[in-house]
N, C-alpha and C. Protein backbone atom coordinates (compact mmCIF):
# COMPACT_ATOMS: atom_id res chain seq x y z
N MET A 1 -100.01 11.39 -142.54
CA MET A 1 -99.10 10.80 -141.58
C MET A 1 -98.14 9.87 -142.31
N THR A 2 -96.87 9.90 -141.92
CA THR A 2 -95.88 9.06 -142.58
C THR A 2 -95.62 7.80 -141.78
N LYS A 3 -95.25 6.75 -142.49
CA LYS A 3 -94.92 5.48 -141.84
C LYS A 3 -93.43 5.48 -141.49
N LYS A 4 -93.12 5.08 -140.27
CA LYS A 4 -91.72 5.02 -139.83
C LYS A 4 -91.12 3.68 -140.22
N VAL A 5 -89.91 3.72 -140.76
CA VAL A 5 -89.22 2.52 -141.19
C VAL A 5 -87.80 2.51 -140.63
N GLY A 6 -87.17 1.37 -140.73
CA GLY A 6 -85.76 1.29 -140.32
C GLY A 6 -85.63 1.01 -138.84
N ILE A 7 -84.99 1.91 -138.14
CA ILE A 7 -84.70 1.65 -136.73
C ILE A 7 -85.95 1.65 -135.85
N PHE A 8 -87.06 2.20 -136.37
CA PHE A 8 -88.27 2.23 -135.59
C PHE A 8 -89.14 0.99 -135.79
N ASP A 9 -88.77 0.14 -136.75
CA ASP A 9 -89.48 -1.11 -136.99
C ASP A 9 -89.27 -2.06 -135.83
N VAL A 10 -90.33 -2.69 -135.36
CA VAL A 10 -90.21 -3.60 -134.24
C VAL A 10 -90.73 -4.98 -134.59
N SER A 11 -90.48 -5.45 -135.77
CA SER A 11 -90.94 -6.78 -136.17
C SER A 11 -89.88 -7.82 -135.86
N ILE A 12 -90.33 -8.98 -135.43
CA ILE A 12 -89.41 -10.06 -135.08
C ILE A 12 -89.41 -11.07 -136.22
N LYS A 13 -88.27 -11.42 -136.68
CA LYS A 13 -88.13 -12.37 -137.77
C LYS A 13 -87.94 -13.77 -137.17
N THR A 14 -88.83 -14.70 -137.50
CA THR A 14 -88.76 -16.05 -136.93
C THR A 14 -87.56 -16.82 -137.43
N GLU A 15 -87.06 -16.52 -138.64
CA GLU A 15 -85.90 -17.24 -139.15
C GLU A 15 -84.66 -16.98 -138.29
N ILE A 16 -84.54 -15.76 -137.82
CA ILE A 16 -83.39 -15.40 -136.99
C ILE A 16 -83.45 -16.16 -135.67
N LEU A 17 -84.62 -16.24 -135.09
CA LEU A 17 -84.76 -16.93 -133.82
C LEU A 17 -84.48 -18.42 -133.93
N LYS A 18 -84.84 -19.03 -135.07
CA LYS A 18 -84.62 -20.46 -135.25
C LYS A 18 -83.14 -20.81 -135.42
N THR A 19 -82.37 -19.93 -136.02
CA THR A 19 -80.96 -20.22 -136.28
C THR A 19 -80.04 -19.82 -135.14
N LYS A 20 -80.60 -19.21 -134.11
CA LYS A 20 -79.78 -18.78 -132.98
C LYS A 20 -79.21 -20.00 -132.25
N LYS A 21 -77.92 -19.97 -131.98
CA LYS A 21 -77.26 -21.09 -131.29
C LYS A 21 -77.48 -20.98 -129.79
N ALA A 22 -77.35 -22.12 -129.11
CA ALA A 22 -77.47 -22.13 -127.66
C ALA A 22 -76.31 -21.37 -127.04
N ALA A 23 -76.61 -20.66 -125.97
CA ALA A 23 -75.58 -19.87 -125.30
C ALA A 23 -74.56 -20.80 -124.65
N PRO A 24 -73.27 -20.43 -124.69
CA PRO A 24 -72.26 -21.27 -124.04
C PRO A 24 -72.43 -21.25 -122.52
N LYS A 25 -71.76 -22.16 -121.87
CA LYS A 25 -71.87 -22.30 -120.42
C LYS A 25 -71.45 -21.04 -119.66
N GLY A 26 -70.53 -20.32 -120.20
CA GLY A 26 -70.00 -19.15 -119.52
C GLY A 26 -68.70 -18.75 -120.18
N MET A 27 -67.83 -18.20 -119.39
CA MET A 27 -66.56 -17.72 -119.93
C MET A 27 -65.59 -18.88 -120.15
N THR A 28 -64.90 -18.80 -121.28
CA THR A 28 -63.90 -19.83 -121.56
C THR A 28 -62.66 -19.60 -120.70
N VAL A 29 -61.91 -20.67 -120.52
CA VAL A 29 -60.69 -20.61 -119.73
C VAL A 29 -59.69 -19.64 -120.37
N GLU A 30 -59.57 -19.70 -121.70
CA GLU A 30 -58.61 -18.85 -122.40
C GLU A 30 -58.94 -17.37 -122.23
N LYS A 31 -60.22 -17.03 -122.38
CA LYS A 31 -60.65 -15.64 -122.25
C LYS A 31 -60.43 -15.14 -120.83
N ALA A 32 -60.78 -15.95 -119.85
CA ALA A 32 -60.61 -15.56 -118.45
C ALA A 32 -59.14 -15.33 -118.12
N LEU A 33 -58.29 -16.24 -118.56
CA LEU A 33 -56.87 -16.12 -118.27
C LEU A 33 -56.28 -14.89 -118.95
N SER A 34 -56.72 -14.60 -120.15
CA SER A 34 -56.24 -13.42 -120.86
C SER A 34 -56.61 -12.14 -120.12
N LEU A 35 -57.85 -12.06 -119.65
CA LEU A 35 -58.29 -10.87 -118.91
C LEU A 35 -57.58 -10.73 -117.57
N ILE A 36 -57.39 -11.86 -116.88
CA ILE A 36 -56.69 -11.82 -115.59
C ILE A 36 -55.24 -11.40 -115.80
N HIS A 37 -54.63 -11.89 -116.86
CA HIS A 37 -53.25 -11.50 -117.19
C HIS A 37 -53.16 -9.98 -117.36
N GLN A 38 -54.10 -9.41 -118.09
CA GLN A 38 -54.11 -7.96 -118.29
C GLN A 38 -54.32 -7.21 -116.98
N GLN A 39 -55.23 -7.69 -116.14
CA GLN A 39 -55.49 -7.05 -114.85
C GLN A 39 -54.26 -7.08 -113.96
N MET A 40 -53.61 -8.24 -113.92
CA MET A 40 -52.43 -8.38 -113.07
C MET A 40 -51.27 -7.53 -113.58
N LYS A 41 -51.15 -7.45 -114.89
CA LYS A 41 -50.09 -6.63 -115.48
C LYS A 41 -50.30 -5.16 -115.12
N LEU A 42 -51.54 -4.70 -115.19
CA LEU A 42 -51.86 -3.32 -114.82
C LEU A 42 -51.65 -3.05 -113.33
N ASN A 43 -51.78 -4.10 -112.53
CA ASN A 43 -51.57 -3.96 -111.09
C ASN A 43 -50.11 -4.10 -110.69
N GLY A 44 -49.22 -4.28 -111.66
CA GLY A 44 -47.80 -4.27 -111.37
C GLY A 44 -47.19 -5.61 -111.00
N PHE A 45 -47.86 -6.71 -111.31
CA PHE A 45 -47.27 -8.02 -111.04
C PHE A 45 -46.05 -8.22 -111.92
N ARG A 46 -45.08 -8.94 -111.42
CA ARG A 46 -43.87 -9.21 -112.20
C ARG A 46 -44.16 -10.15 -113.35
N GLU A 47 -43.34 -10.01 -114.39
CA GLU A 47 -43.52 -10.83 -115.59
C GLU A 47 -43.38 -12.32 -115.28
N GLY A 48 -42.46 -12.67 -114.39
CA GLY A 48 -42.27 -14.08 -114.01
C GLY A 48 -43.51 -14.65 -113.33
N THR A 49 -44.14 -13.85 -112.49
CA THR A 49 -45.37 -14.28 -111.83
C THR A 49 -46.48 -14.49 -112.85
N LEU A 50 -46.60 -13.56 -113.77
CA LEU A 50 -47.62 -13.68 -114.81
C LEU A 50 -47.42 -14.93 -115.66
N ASN A 51 -46.18 -15.19 -116.01
CA ASN A 51 -45.87 -16.38 -116.81
C ASN A 51 -46.18 -17.66 -116.05
N ASP A 52 -45.86 -17.69 -114.75
CA ASP A 52 -46.17 -18.86 -113.93
C ASP A 52 -47.67 -19.11 -113.86
N TYR A 53 -48.44 -18.05 -113.62
CA TYR A 53 -49.89 -18.20 -113.55
C TYR A 53 -50.45 -18.73 -114.86
N ASN A 54 -49.98 -18.18 -115.98
CA ASN A 54 -50.44 -18.65 -117.29
C ASN A 54 -50.08 -20.11 -117.51
N LEU A 55 -48.83 -20.46 -117.25
CA LEU A 55 -48.37 -21.82 -117.46
C LEU A 55 -49.14 -22.82 -116.60
N ILE A 56 -49.25 -22.54 -115.33
CA ILE A 56 -49.90 -23.46 -114.40
C ILE A 56 -51.38 -23.62 -114.71
N PHE A 57 -52.05 -22.50 -114.97
CA PHE A 57 -53.50 -22.60 -115.24
C PHE A 57 -53.76 -23.30 -116.57
N ASN A 58 -52.92 -23.04 -117.57
CA ASN A 58 -53.08 -23.73 -118.86
C ASN A 58 -52.81 -25.22 -118.72
N GLN A 59 -51.80 -25.60 -117.91
CA GLN A 59 -51.53 -27.02 -117.67
C GLN A 59 -52.71 -27.68 -116.98
N PHE A 60 -53.29 -26.98 -116.02
CA PHE A 60 -54.47 -27.50 -115.32
C PHE A 60 -55.61 -27.74 -116.31
N ALA A 61 -55.93 -26.73 -117.11
CA ALA A 61 -57.05 -26.84 -118.06
C ALA A 61 -56.83 -27.96 -119.07
N GLU A 62 -55.59 -28.10 -119.51
CA GLU A 62 -55.27 -29.15 -120.49
C GLU A 62 -55.34 -30.53 -119.87
N GLU A 63 -54.82 -30.68 -118.66
CA GLU A 63 -54.78 -31.98 -118.01
C GLU A 63 -56.18 -32.51 -117.70
N VAL A 64 -57.06 -31.64 -117.22
CA VAL A 64 -58.41 -32.09 -116.86
C VAL A 64 -59.42 -31.86 -117.99
N GLN A 65 -58.93 -31.35 -119.11
CA GLN A 65 -59.71 -31.18 -120.32
C GLN A 65 -60.99 -30.37 -120.11
N ILE A 66 -60.80 -29.13 -119.68
CA ILE A 66 -61.94 -28.23 -119.51
C ILE A 66 -61.81 -27.06 -120.48
N GLN A 67 -62.95 -26.52 -120.87
CA GLN A 67 -62.98 -25.36 -121.75
C GLN A 67 -63.60 -24.15 -121.07
N TYR A 68 -64.50 -24.39 -120.14
CA TYR A 68 -65.22 -23.32 -119.48
C TYR A 68 -64.92 -23.30 -117.99
N LEU A 69 -64.96 -22.11 -117.41
CA LEU A 69 -64.69 -21.98 -115.97
C LEU A 69 -65.68 -22.77 -115.14
N GLU A 70 -66.92 -22.84 -115.61
CA GLU A 70 -67.96 -23.54 -114.86
C GLU A 70 -67.72 -25.05 -114.76
N ASP A 71 -66.81 -25.58 -115.57
CA ASP A 71 -66.49 -27.01 -115.52
C ASP A 71 -65.54 -27.36 -114.38
N ILE A 72 -65.01 -26.36 -113.73
CA ILE A 72 -64.04 -26.60 -112.65
C ILE A 72 -64.80 -26.96 -111.38
N ASN A 73 -64.36 -28.06 -110.75
CA ASN A 73 -64.93 -28.46 -109.47
C ASN A 73 -63.84 -29.14 -108.63
N VAL A 74 -64.21 -29.60 -107.46
CA VAL A 74 -63.25 -30.24 -106.56
C VAL A 74 -62.60 -31.45 -107.21
N ASN A 75 -63.40 -32.23 -107.92
CA ASN A 75 -62.87 -33.44 -108.56
C ASN A 75 -61.82 -33.12 -109.61
N THR A 76 -62.04 -32.06 -110.39
CA THR A 76 -61.05 -31.70 -111.41
C THR A 76 -59.74 -31.25 -110.77
N ILE A 77 -59.85 -30.56 -109.66
CA ILE A 77 -58.63 -30.10 -108.97
C ILE A 77 -57.85 -31.28 -108.42
N TYR A 78 -58.55 -32.21 -107.76
CA TYR A 78 -57.86 -33.39 -107.22
C TYR A 78 -57.29 -34.28 -108.33
N LYS A 79 -58.02 -34.40 -109.42
CA LYS A 79 -57.52 -35.17 -110.57
C LYS A 79 -56.21 -34.58 -111.08
N TRP A 80 -56.17 -33.26 -111.17
CA TRP A 80 -54.97 -32.56 -111.63
C TRP A 80 -53.81 -32.77 -110.65
N LEU A 81 -54.08 -32.66 -109.36
CA LEU A 81 -53.03 -32.86 -108.36
C LEU A 81 -52.47 -34.28 -108.40
N GLU A 82 -53.35 -35.26 -108.59
CA GLU A 82 -52.91 -36.66 -108.65
C GLU A 82 -52.08 -36.95 -109.90
N SER A 83 -52.34 -36.21 -110.95
CA SER A 83 -51.63 -36.47 -112.20
C SER A 83 -50.19 -35.96 -112.19
N MET A 84 -49.85 -35.09 -111.26
CA MET A 84 -48.50 -34.52 -111.21
C MET A 84 -47.52 -35.48 -110.56
N ASN A 85 -46.38 -35.62 -111.19
CA ASN A 85 -45.31 -36.45 -110.64
C ASN A 85 -44.19 -35.53 -110.14
N VAL A 86 -44.52 -34.74 -109.11
CA VAL A 86 -43.58 -33.77 -108.55
C VAL A 86 -43.66 -33.84 -107.02
N SER A 87 -42.78 -33.10 -106.37
CA SER A 87 -42.77 -33.10 -104.90
C SER A 87 -44.01 -32.41 -104.34
N GLN A 88 -44.27 -32.65 -103.07
CA GLN A 88 -45.44 -32.05 -102.41
C GLN A 88 -45.34 -30.52 -102.37
N SER A 89 -44.12 -30.00 -102.21
CA SER A 89 -43.97 -28.55 -102.16
C SER A 89 -44.26 -27.91 -103.52
N THR A 90 -43.91 -28.60 -104.60
CA THR A 90 -44.22 -28.10 -105.94
C THR A 90 -45.73 -28.14 -106.18
N LYS A 91 -46.37 -29.22 -105.74
CA LYS A 91 -47.83 -29.30 -105.85
C LYS A 91 -48.49 -28.16 -105.09
N SER A 92 -47.97 -27.89 -103.90
CA SER A 92 -48.53 -26.82 -103.08
C SER A 92 -48.40 -25.46 -103.77
N THR A 93 -47.25 -25.22 -104.36
CA THR A 93 -47.03 -23.95 -105.07
C THR A 93 -47.97 -23.82 -106.26
N ARG A 94 -48.12 -24.89 -107.02
CA ARG A 94 -49.00 -24.86 -108.18
C ARG A 94 -50.47 -24.69 -107.76
N LEU A 95 -50.83 -25.34 -106.67
CA LEU A 95 -52.19 -25.21 -106.17
C LEU A 95 -52.48 -23.77 -105.72
N LYS A 96 -51.49 -23.12 -105.12
CA LYS A 96 -51.66 -21.72 -104.72
C LYS A 96 -51.91 -20.83 -105.93
N CYS A 97 -51.21 -21.07 -107.01
CA CYS A 97 -51.41 -20.30 -108.24
C CYS A 97 -52.82 -20.54 -108.79
N LEU A 98 -53.24 -21.80 -108.82
CA LEU A 98 -54.58 -22.13 -109.31
C LEU A 98 -55.64 -21.44 -108.46
N LYS A 99 -55.47 -21.50 -107.14
CA LYS A 99 -56.43 -20.87 -106.24
C LYS A 99 -56.48 -19.36 -106.46
N ALA A 100 -55.34 -18.75 -106.70
CA ALA A 100 -55.30 -17.30 -106.94
C ALA A 100 -56.07 -16.93 -108.21
N VAL A 101 -55.87 -17.70 -109.26
CA VAL A 101 -56.57 -17.43 -110.52
C VAL A 101 -58.08 -17.64 -110.34
N LEU A 102 -58.47 -18.71 -109.68
CA LEU A 102 -59.89 -18.98 -109.46
C LEU A 102 -60.52 -17.89 -108.59
N SER A 103 -59.80 -17.41 -107.60
CA SER A 103 -60.32 -16.34 -106.76
C SER A 103 -60.52 -15.05 -107.56
N LYS A 104 -59.60 -14.76 -108.46
CA LYS A 104 -59.74 -13.59 -109.31
C LYS A 104 -60.96 -13.74 -110.23
N CYS A 105 -61.17 -14.93 -110.76
CA CYS A 105 -62.35 -15.19 -111.59
C CYS A 105 -63.63 -14.99 -110.78
N TYR A 106 -63.63 -15.49 -109.56
CA TYR A 106 -64.79 -15.37 -108.67
C TYR A 106 -65.07 -13.91 -108.34
N ASN A 107 -64.01 -13.17 -108.01
CA ASN A 107 -64.16 -11.76 -107.65
C ASN A 107 -64.62 -10.91 -108.84
N ASN A 108 -64.27 -11.33 -110.04
CA ASN A 108 -64.72 -10.63 -111.24
C ASN A 108 -66.16 -10.99 -111.64
N GLY A 109 -66.73 -11.98 -110.95
CA GLY A 109 -68.11 -12.37 -111.22
C GLY A 109 -68.26 -13.36 -112.36
N TRP A 110 -67.19 -14.03 -112.72
CA TRP A 110 -67.23 -14.98 -113.84
C TRP A 110 -67.62 -16.38 -113.40
N LEU A 111 -67.63 -16.64 -112.12
CA LEU A 111 -68.02 -17.95 -111.59
C LEU A 111 -69.32 -17.79 -110.81
N SER A 112 -70.23 -18.71 -111.00
CA SER A 112 -71.53 -18.61 -110.33
C SER A 112 -71.64 -19.49 -109.09
N TYR A 113 -70.51 -19.93 -108.58
CA TYR A 113 -70.52 -20.77 -107.38
C TYR A 113 -70.94 -19.95 -106.17
N GLN A 114 -71.56 -20.63 -105.20
CA GLN A 114 -72.00 -19.95 -103.99
C GLN A 114 -70.83 -19.59 -103.08
N SER A 115 -69.79 -20.41 -103.13
CA SER A 115 -68.63 -20.17 -102.27
C SER A 115 -67.35 -20.51 -103.03
N LYS A 116 -66.24 -20.13 -102.45
CA LYS A 116 -64.94 -20.44 -103.04
C LYS A 116 -64.50 -21.83 -102.57
N PHE A 117 -65.06 -22.86 -103.18
CA PHE A 117 -64.81 -24.24 -102.77
C PHE A 117 -63.35 -24.63 -102.86
N TRP A 118 -62.58 -24.00 -103.74
CA TRP A 118 -61.18 -24.36 -103.95
C TRP A 118 -60.30 -23.99 -102.77
N LEU A 119 -60.77 -23.14 -101.89
CA LEU A 119 -59.97 -22.76 -100.73
C LEU A 119 -59.84 -23.89 -99.71
N THR A 120 -60.73 -24.87 -99.78
CA THR A 120 -60.68 -26.00 -98.84
C THR A 120 -59.86 -27.16 -99.36
N VAL A 121 -59.36 -27.07 -100.60
CA VAL A 121 -58.56 -28.16 -101.19
C VAL A 121 -57.18 -28.10 -100.61
C-alpha cells in the first residue's frame, strides 16, 4: 500500500494558526463604493450621478473618519450633517445620496443591521 502525500495530507500546522491575523470588521468603505459604482454603471446610471455618489460618500467617510461599513450609525450621519455649512436643500440632496448607497450596501448583504436605520434620519 502506498502513502498519499500532497493534496491528500490533512495535517494542521500550528505556526500558521498562530500567525493568522484577526478578521476585519467587514467590508471597507472603498471596496463597497467601488463595487456599487460598477453595479450602477452596468445598470445604466449616468456618469454625473455616479460621480456625485462617489464624491458624497467619500466626503461622508472622510468627515466622520470611518473605514468599514459597520462603523456607520445614526450618530455618524448626524455628525456629518452638522459639519456641513450648506443650505438645507443641499443637505437633503446629499443625505439622499448617502441613503441610496447605504441601501445598496444593505441589499447586497454587506451590512449586518437588522433594519435600514438611515431611512429615519
